[in-house]
Amino acid sequence: MNTHDRWRTSSYSGNANNCVEVALTVAEAKVRATKDRAGGHLELSLTGFRGLVRALQSIT
């Protein structure tokens, strides 16, 4: 994991640590759990990340 990644947490999460964080670059999106930041992350292409977000939006 790049120590220069800029991880962002949704404003909807408030101060809770039960959500995910995302780091976006020009080539990919990285996703990790706030409860286990050192536990690794998922790397997706930007197209794959957009698809994931659309799929999650469709079930909420």
C-alpha atoms as a PDB file:
ATOM      1  CA  MET A   1       0.000   0.000   0.000  1.00  0.00           C
ATOM      2  CA  ASN A   2       1.303   3.394  -0.934  1.00  0.00           C
ATOM      3  CA  THR A   3       1.711   5.599   2.132  1.00  0.00           C
ATOM      4  CA  HIS A   4       0.851   8.596  -0.063  1.00  0.00           C
ATOM      5  CA  ASP A   5      -2.632   7.313  -0.894  1.00  0.00           C
ATOM      6  CA  ARG A   6      -5.265   9.845   0.066  1.00  0.00           C
ATOM      7  CA  TRP A   7      -7.949   7.827   1.834  1.00  0.00           C
ATOM      8  CA  ARG A   8     -11.422   9.342   2.143  1.00  0.00           C
ATOM      9  CA  THR A   9     -14.339   8.280   4.291  1.00  0.00           C
ATOM     10  CA  SER A  10     -17.936   9.083   3.437  1.00  0.00           C
ATOM     11  CA  SER A  11     -19.418  12.077   5.209  1.00  0.00           C
ATOM     12  CA  TYR A  12     -22.393   9.818   6.000  1.00  0.00           C
ATOM     13  CA  SER A  13     -20.244   7.751   8.359  1.00  0.00           C
ATOM     14  CA  GLY A  14     -19.736  10.526  10.907  1.00  0.00           C
ATOM     15  CA  ASN A  15     -17.231   9.455  13.561  1.00  0.00           C
ATOM     16  CA  ALA A  16     -18.130   5.775  13.296  1.00  0.00           C
ATOM     17  CA  ASN A  17     -15.492   3.246  12.314  1.00  0.00           C
ATOM     18  CA  ASN A  18     -17.907   0.855  10.638  1.00  0.00           C
ATOM     19  CA  CYS A  19     -17.610   1.929   7.037  1.00  0.00           C
ATOM     20  CA  VAL A  20     -15.161   1.829   4.159  1.00  0.00           C
ATOM     21  CA  GLU A  21     -12.583   4.281   2.895  1.00  0.00           C
ATOM     22  CA  VAL A  22     -11.662   4.914  -0.725  1.00  0.00           C
ATOM     23  CA  ALA A  23      -8.444   6.164  -2.296  1.00  0.00           C
ATOM     24  CA  LEU A  24      -8.750   7.218  -5.942  1.00  0.00           C
ATOM     25  CA  THR A  25      -5.895   7.576  -8.412  1.00  0.00           C
ATOM     26  CA  VAL A  26      -5.959   8.240 -12.138  1.00  0.00           C
ATOM     27  CA  ALA A  27      -5.866   4.500 -12.816  1.00  0.00           C
ATOM     28  CA  GLU A  28      -7.632   2.744  -9.954  1.00  0.00           C
ATOM     29  CA  ALA A  29      -9.728   2.860  -6.823  1.00  0.00           C
ATOM     30  CA  LYS A  30      -8.662   1.259  -3.565  1.00  0.00           C
ATOM     31  CA  VAL A  31     -11.189   0.290  -0.901  1.00  0.00           C
ATOM     32  CA  ARG A  32     -10.504  -0.720   2.717  1.00  0.00           C
ATOM     33  CA  ALA A  33     -12.381  -1.172   5.986  1.00  0.00           C
ATOM     34  CA  THR A  34     -11.985   1.567   8.580  1.00  0.00           C
ATOM     35  CA  LYS A  35     -11.988  -1.028  11.372  1.00  0.00           C
ATOM     36  CA  ASP A  36      -8.914  -2.764   9.929  1.00  0.00           C
ATOM     37  CA  ARG A  37      -6.901  -0.241   7.935  1.00  0.00           C
ATOM     38  CA  ALA A  38      -3.756  -2.360   8.118  1.00  0.00           C
ATOM     39  CA  GLY A  39      -5.634  -5.457   6.961  1.00  0.00           C
ATOM     40  CA  GLY A  40      -5.226  -4.737   3.278  1.00  0.00           C
ATOM     41  CA  HIS A  41      -7.399  -3.260   0.584  1.00  0.00           C
ATOM     42  CA  LEU A  42      -9.237  -4.113  -2.593  1.00  0.00           C
ATOM     43  CA  GLU A  43      -7.950  -2.594  -5.835  1.00  0.00           C
ATOM     44  CA  LEU A  44     -10.410  -1.974  -8.667  1.00  0.00           C
ATOM     45  CA  SER A  45     -10.193  -0.344 -12.048  1.00  0.00           C
ATOM     46  CA  LEU A  46     -12.135   2.903 -12.167  1.00  0.00           C
ATOM     47  CA  THR A  47     -14.709   1.226 -14.407  1.00  0.00           C
ATOM     48  CA  GLY A  48     -15.029  -1.622 -11.922  1.00  0.00           C
ATOM     49  CA  PHE A  49     -15.384   0.810  -9.031  1.00  0.00           C
ATOM     50  CA  ARG A  50     -18.138   2.733 -10.816  1.00  0.00           C
ATOM     51  CA  GLY A  51     -19.926  -0.559 -11.444  1.00  0.00           C
ATOM     52  CA  LEU A  52     -19.621  -1.493  -7.776  1.00  0.00           C
ATOM     53  CA  VAL A  53     -21.034   1.862  -6.664  1.00  0.00           C
ATOM     54  CA  ARG A  54     -23.956   1.575  -9.119  1.00  0.00           C
ATOM     55  CA  ALA A  55     -24.712  -1.949  -7.930  1.00  0.00           C
ATOM     56  CA  LEU A  56     -24.670  -0.870  -4.287  1.00  0.00           C
ATOM     57  CA  GLN A  57     -26.886   2.124  -5.020  1.00  0.00           C
ATOM     58  CA  SER A  58     -29.432  -0.128  -6.687  1.00  0.00           C
ATOM     59  CA  ILE A  59     -29.911  -2.218  -3.526  1.00  0.00           C
ATOM     60  CA  THR A  60     -30.320   0.671  -1.098  1.00  0.00           C
END
